[in-house]
Amino acid sequence: MPFDAFWRIAFVVLRTTFPTYLLNLHALKNLQASTVGAFAYAQPIIAIGYEVYTGNGELDLVKAVAFLLILVGVYLVSKKSNINKIYRFI
């Protein structure tokens, strides 16, 4: 593998991935887990938006469906459940 490839891999790991995980740990100490989880699942949405904005990609059907599924999933997870109603019903 050429040196340029190793350099790019090291950059992605050391300058983007590793600091992101450290910031997520810091956020977990200071915020609710649901807030951090919602942001983690929103990261692909941010990436899609940035990709389309910069012209490096286009919004196709697969990305649009993924975008909607992520939004629905984050909504369902963050929605407060009425588990007591379910237990009373049973």
N, C-alpha and C. Protein backbone atom coordinates (compact mmCIF):
# COMPACT_ATOMS: atom_id res chain seq x y z
N MET A 1 0.85 -1.17 0.00
CA MET A 1 0.00 0.00 0.00
C MET A 1 0.90 1.24 0.00
N PRO A 2 0.57 2.24 -0.78
CA PRO A 2 1.42 3.44 -0.83
C PRO A 2 1.33 4.25 0.47
N PHE A 3 2.39 5.02 0.71
CA PHE A 3 2.43 5.84 1.92
C PHE A 3 1.25 6.79 2.00
N ASP A 4 0.81 7.31 0.88
CA ASP A 4 -0.32 8.25 0.85
C ASP A 4 -1.57 7.60 1.45
N ALA A 5 -1.78 6.32 1.18
CA ALA A 5 -2.94 5.62 1.73
C ALA A 5 -2.83 5.50 3.24
N PHE A 6 -1.65 5.17 3.74
CA PHE A 6 -1.46 5.09 5.19
C PHE A 6 -1.69 6.45 5.84
N TRP A 7 -1.19 7.50 5.20
CA TRP A 7 -1.37 8.84 5.73
C TRP A 7 -2.85 9.20 5.82
N ARG A 8 -3.63 8.87 4.81
CA ARG A 8 -5.06 9.17 4.80
C ARG A 8 -5.80 8.36 5.88
N ILE A 9 -5.44 7.12 6.03
CA ILE A 9 -6.07 6.28 7.07
C ILE A 9 -5.74 6.84 8.45
N ALA A 10 -4.47 7.19 8.67
CA ALA A 10 -4.07 7.75 9.96
C ALA A 10 -4.80 9.06 10.24
N PHE A 11 -4.97 9.87 9.21
CA PHE A 11 -5.69 11.14 9.39
C PHE A 11 -7.12 10.89 9.82
N VAL A 12 -7.79 9.97 9.16
CA VAL A 12 -9.19 9.69 9.49
C VAL A 12 -9.31 9.16 10.91
N VAL A 13 -8.40 8.27 11.29
CA VAL A 13 -8.48 7.67 12.63
C VAL A 13 -8.09 8.69 13.70
N LEU A 14 -6.99 9.38 13.52
CA LEU A 14 -6.46 10.24 14.57
C LEU A 14 -7.12 11.62 14.63
N ARG A 15 -7.54 12.17 13.51
CA ARG A 15 -8.05 13.54 13.49
C ARG A 15 -9.57 13.63 13.45
N THR A 16 -10.25 12.53 13.15
CA THR A 16 -11.71 12.61 13.10
C THR A 16 -12.38 11.58 14.01
N THR A 17 -12.06 10.32 13.84
CA THR A 17 -12.76 9.28 14.59
C THR A 17 -12.45 9.33 16.08
N PHE A 18 -11.17 9.34 16.44
CA PHE A 18 -10.77 9.32 17.84
C PHE A 18 -11.29 10.52 18.62
N PRO A 19 -11.12 11.76 18.12
CA PRO A 19 -11.68 12.90 18.85
C PRO A 19 -13.21 12.85 18.97
N THR A 20 -13.87 12.31 17.96
CA THR A 20 -15.33 12.20 18.04
C THR A 20 -15.74 11.29 19.18
N TYR A 21 -15.06 10.17 19.34
CA TYR A 21 -15.39 9.27 20.45
C TYR A 21 -15.07 9.91 21.79
N LEU A 22 -14.00 10.66 21.87
CA LEU A 22 -13.69 11.35 23.12
C LEU A 22 -14.77 12.39 23.45
N LEU A 23 -15.23 13.11 22.44
CA LEU A 23 -16.29 14.08 22.67
C LEU A 23 -17.59 13.40 23.07
N ASN A 24 -17.87 12.23 22.49
CA ASN A 24 -19.06 11.48 22.90
C ASN A 24 -18.98 11.05 24.36
N LEU A 25 -17.80 10.63 24.80
CA LEU A 25 -17.63 10.27 26.22
C LEU A 25 -17.85 11.49 27.11
N HIS A 26 -17.30 12.61 26.71
CA HIS A 26 -17.49 13.85 27.47
C HIS A 26 -18.97 14.22 27.52
N ALA A 27 -19.65 14.07 26.38
CA ALA A 27 -21.07 14.40 26.33
C ALA A 27 -21.89 13.47 27.22
N LEU A 28 -21.52 12.19 27.26
CA LEU A 28 -22.25 11.25 28.11
C LEU A 28 -22.14 11.61 29.59
N LYS A 29 -21.03 12.21 29.96
CA LYS A 29 -20.87 12.63 31.35
C LYS A 29 -21.74 13.83 31.69
N ASN A 30 -22.01 14.67 30.70
CA ASN A 30 -22.69 15.93 30.97
C ASN A 30 -24.13 16.01 30.45
N LEU A 31 -24.53 15.10 29.59
CA LEU A 31 -25.87 15.13 29.02
C LEU A 31 -26.57 13.80 29.27
N GLN A 32 -27.84 13.77 28.96
CA GLN A 32 -28.58 12.51 29.07
C GLN A 32 -28.17 11.59 27.94
N ALA A 33 -28.21 10.31 28.20
CA ALA A 33 -27.81 9.32 27.19
C ALA A 33 -28.69 9.41 25.95
N SER A 34 -29.96 9.73 26.11
CA SER A 34 -30.84 9.82 24.95
C SER A 34 -30.44 10.98 24.04
N THR A 35 -29.94 12.07 24.61
CA THR A 35 -29.49 13.20 23.81
C THR A 35 -28.26 12.83 23.00
N VAL A 36 -27.32 12.16 23.64
CA VAL A 36 -26.10 11.74 22.95
C VAL A 36 -26.45 10.71 21.88
N GLY A 37 -27.35 9.79 22.19
CA GLY A 37 -27.76 8.80 21.21
C GLY A 37 -28.44 9.42 20.01
N ALA A 38 -29.29 10.40 20.25
CA ALA A 38 -29.96 11.08 19.14
C ALA A 38 -28.94 11.77 18.25
N PHE A 39 -27.93 12.39 18.84
CA PHE A 39 -26.90 13.03 18.03
C PHE A 39 -26.10 11.99 17.25
N ALA A 40 -25.78 10.87 17.88
CA ALA A 40 -25.01 9.83 17.19
C ALA A 40 -25.77 9.31 15.97
N TYR A 41 -27.08 9.15 16.12
CA TYR A 41 -27.86 8.69 14.98
C TYR A 41 -28.12 9.80 13.98
N ALA A 42 -27.98 11.04 14.38
CA ALA A 42 -28.16 12.16 13.46
C ALA A 42 -26.91 12.43 12.64
N GLN A 43 -25.78 11.87 13.01
CA GLN A 43 -24.55 12.12 12.28
C GLN A 43 -24.64 11.71 10.81
N PRO A 44 -25.25 10.58 10.45
CA PRO A 44 -25.39 10.29 9.01
C PRO A 44 -26.24 11.32 8.28
N ILE A 45 -27.23 11.87 8.95
CA ILE A 45 -28.06 12.92 8.33
C ILE A 45 -27.21 14.15 8.06
N ILE A 46 -26.38 14.51 9.03
CA ILE A 46 -25.49 15.66 8.85
C ILE A 46 -24.52 15.38 7.71
N ALA A 47 -24.00 14.16 7.64
CA ALA A 47 -23.06 13.80 6.57
C ALA A 47 -23.72 13.87 5.20
N ILE A 48 -24.95 13.38 5.10
CA ILE A 48 -25.67 13.45 3.82
C ILE A 48 -25.90 14.90 3.42
N GLY A 49 -26.32 15.71 4.37
CA GLY A 49 -26.55 17.13 4.07
C GLY A 49 -25.28 17.83 3.63
N TYR A 50 -24.18 17.54 4.29
CA TYR A 50 -22.90 18.16 3.93
C TYR A 50 -22.45 17.70 2.55
N GLU A 51 -22.62 16.41 2.29
CA GLU A 51 -22.23 15.85 1.00
C GLU A 51 -23.00 16.51 -0.15
N VAL A 52 -24.29 16.66 0.04
CA VAL A 52 -25.12 17.30 -1.00
C VAL A 52 -24.78 18.78 -1.11
N TYR A 53 -24.58 19.45 0.02
CA TYR A 53 -24.28 20.88 0.03
C TYR A 53 -22.97 21.18 -0.70
N THR A 54 -21.95 20.35 -0.49
CA THR A 54 -20.65 20.60 -1.11
C THR A 54 -20.57 20.09 -2.54
N GLY A 55 -21.59 19.38 -2.98
CA GLY A 55 -21.60 18.88 -4.36
C GLY A 55 -20.82 17.60 -4.55
N ASN A 56 -20.43 16.94 -3.46
CA ASN A 56 -19.69 15.68 -3.56
C ASN A 56 -20.60 14.48 -3.71
N GLY A 57 -21.88 14.69 -3.64
CA GLY A 57 -22.84 13.59 -3.79
C GLY A 57 -24.20 14.16 -4.12
N GLU A 58 -25.11 13.27 -4.36
CA GLU A 58 -26.46 13.70 -4.66
C GLU A 58 -27.44 12.92 -3.81
N LEU A 59 -28.57 13.52 -3.58
CA LEU A 59 -29.59 12.90 -2.76
C LEU A 59 -30.40 11.95 -3.64
N ASP A 60 -30.18 10.66 -3.45
CA ASP A 60 -30.92 9.67 -4.22
C ASP A 60 -31.96 9.01 -3.33
N LEU A 61 -32.68 8.07 -3.87
CA LEU A 61 -33.77 7.42 -3.14
C LEU A 61 -33.27 6.68 -1.91
N VAL A 62 -32.15 6.01 -2.02
CA VAL A 62 -31.61 5.25 -0.88
C VAL A 62 -31.27 6.18 0.28
N LYS A 63 -30.62 7.30 -0.03
CA LYS A 63 -30.25 8.25 1.03
C LYS A 63 -31.49 8.91 1.63
N ALA A 64 -32.48 9.20 0.80
CA ALA A 64 -33.71 9.81 1.31
C ALA A 64 -34.45 8.85 2.24
N VAL A 65 -34.53 7.58 1.86
CA VAL A 65 -35.19 6.59 2.72
C VAL A 65 -34.40 6.41 4.01
N ALA A 66 -33.07 6.35 3.92
CA ALA A 66 -32.25 6.23 5.12
C ALA A 66 -32.45 7.43 6.04
N PHE A 67 -32.51 8.62 5.45
CA PHE A 67 -32.76 9.85 6.21
C PHE A 67 -34.08 9.75 6.97
N LEU A 68 -35.13 9.33 6.30
CA LEU A 68 -36.45 9.21 6.95
C LEU A 68 -36.46 8.13 8.02
N LEU A 69 -35.82 7.00 7.76
CA LEU A 69 -35.77 5.93 8.76
C LEU A 69 -35.02 6.37 10.01
N ILE A 70 -33.94 7.12 9.84
CA ILE A 70 -33.19 7.62 10.99
C ILE A 70 -34.05 8.58 11.80
N LEU A 71 -34.74 9.50 11.11
CA LEU A 71 -35.60 10.45 11.82
C LEU A 71 -36.70 9.73 12.59
N VAL A 72 -37.34 8.75 11.96
CA VAL A 72 -38.42 8.01 12.63
C VAL A 72 -37.85 7.23 13.82
N GLY A 73 -36.69 6.62 13.65
CA GLY A 73 -36.07 5.87 14.75
C GLY A 73 -35.72 6.75 15.93
N VAL A 74 -35.13 7.91 15.66
CA VAL A 74 -34.79 8.83 16.74
C VAL A 74 -36.06 9.32 17.44
N TYR A 75 -37.11 9.58 16.67
CA TYR A 75 -38.37 10.02 17.27
C TYR A 75 -38.95 8.92 18.16
N LEU A 76 -38.97 7.68 17.68
CA LEU A 76 -39.55 6.59 18.46
C LEU A 76 -38.76 6.33 19.73
N VAL A 77 -37.46 6.43 19.66
CA VAL A 77 -36.64 6.18 20.85
C VAL A 77 -36.80 7.31 21.86
N SER A 78 -36.90 8.54 21.39
CA SER A 78 -36.99 9.66 22.32
C SER A 78 -38.40 9.88 22.85
N LYS A 79 -39.39 9.29 22.19
CA LYS A 79 -40.78 9.43 22.63
C LYS A 79 -40.97 8.68 23.94
N LYS A 80 -41.63 9.31 24.89
CA LYS A 80 -41.89 8.67 26.17
C LYS A 80 -42.97 7.62 25.99
N SER A 81 -42.69 6.44 26.48
CA SER A 81 -43.67 5.37 26.34
C SER A 81 -44.64 5.38 27.51
N ASN A 82 -45.81 4.91 27.27
CA ASN A 82 -46.82 4.78 28.31
C ASN A 82 -46.92 3.33 28.74
N ILE A 83 -45.84 2.83 29.31
CA ILE A 83 -45.77 1.43 29.71
C ILE A 83 -46.77 1.11 30.80
N ASN A 84 -47.10 2.09 31.63
CA ASN A 84 -48.08 1.85 32.68
C ASN A 84 -49.46 1.54 32.09
N LYS A 85 -49.82 2.19 31.02
CA LYS A 85 -51.09 1.91 30.36
C LYS A 85 -51.12 0.48 29.84
N ILE A 86 -49.98 0.03 29.31
CA ILE A 86 -49.91 -1.32 28.78
C ILE A 86 -50.08 -2.33 29.91
N TYR A 87 -49.41 -2.09 31.06
CA TYR A 87 -49.51 -3.01 32.17
C TYR A 87 -50.93 -3.02 32.74
N ARG A 88 -51.59 -1.89 32.79
CA ARG A 88 -52.96 -1.86 33.28
C ARG A 88 -53.89 -2.61 32.36
N PHE A 89 -53.61 -2.56 31.07
CA PHE A 89 -54.44 -3.25 30.10
C PHE A 89 -54.33 -4.76 30.26
N ILE A 90 -53.14 -5.24 30.58
CA ILE A 90 -52.91 -6.67 30.72
C ILE A 90 -53.49 -7.11 32.04
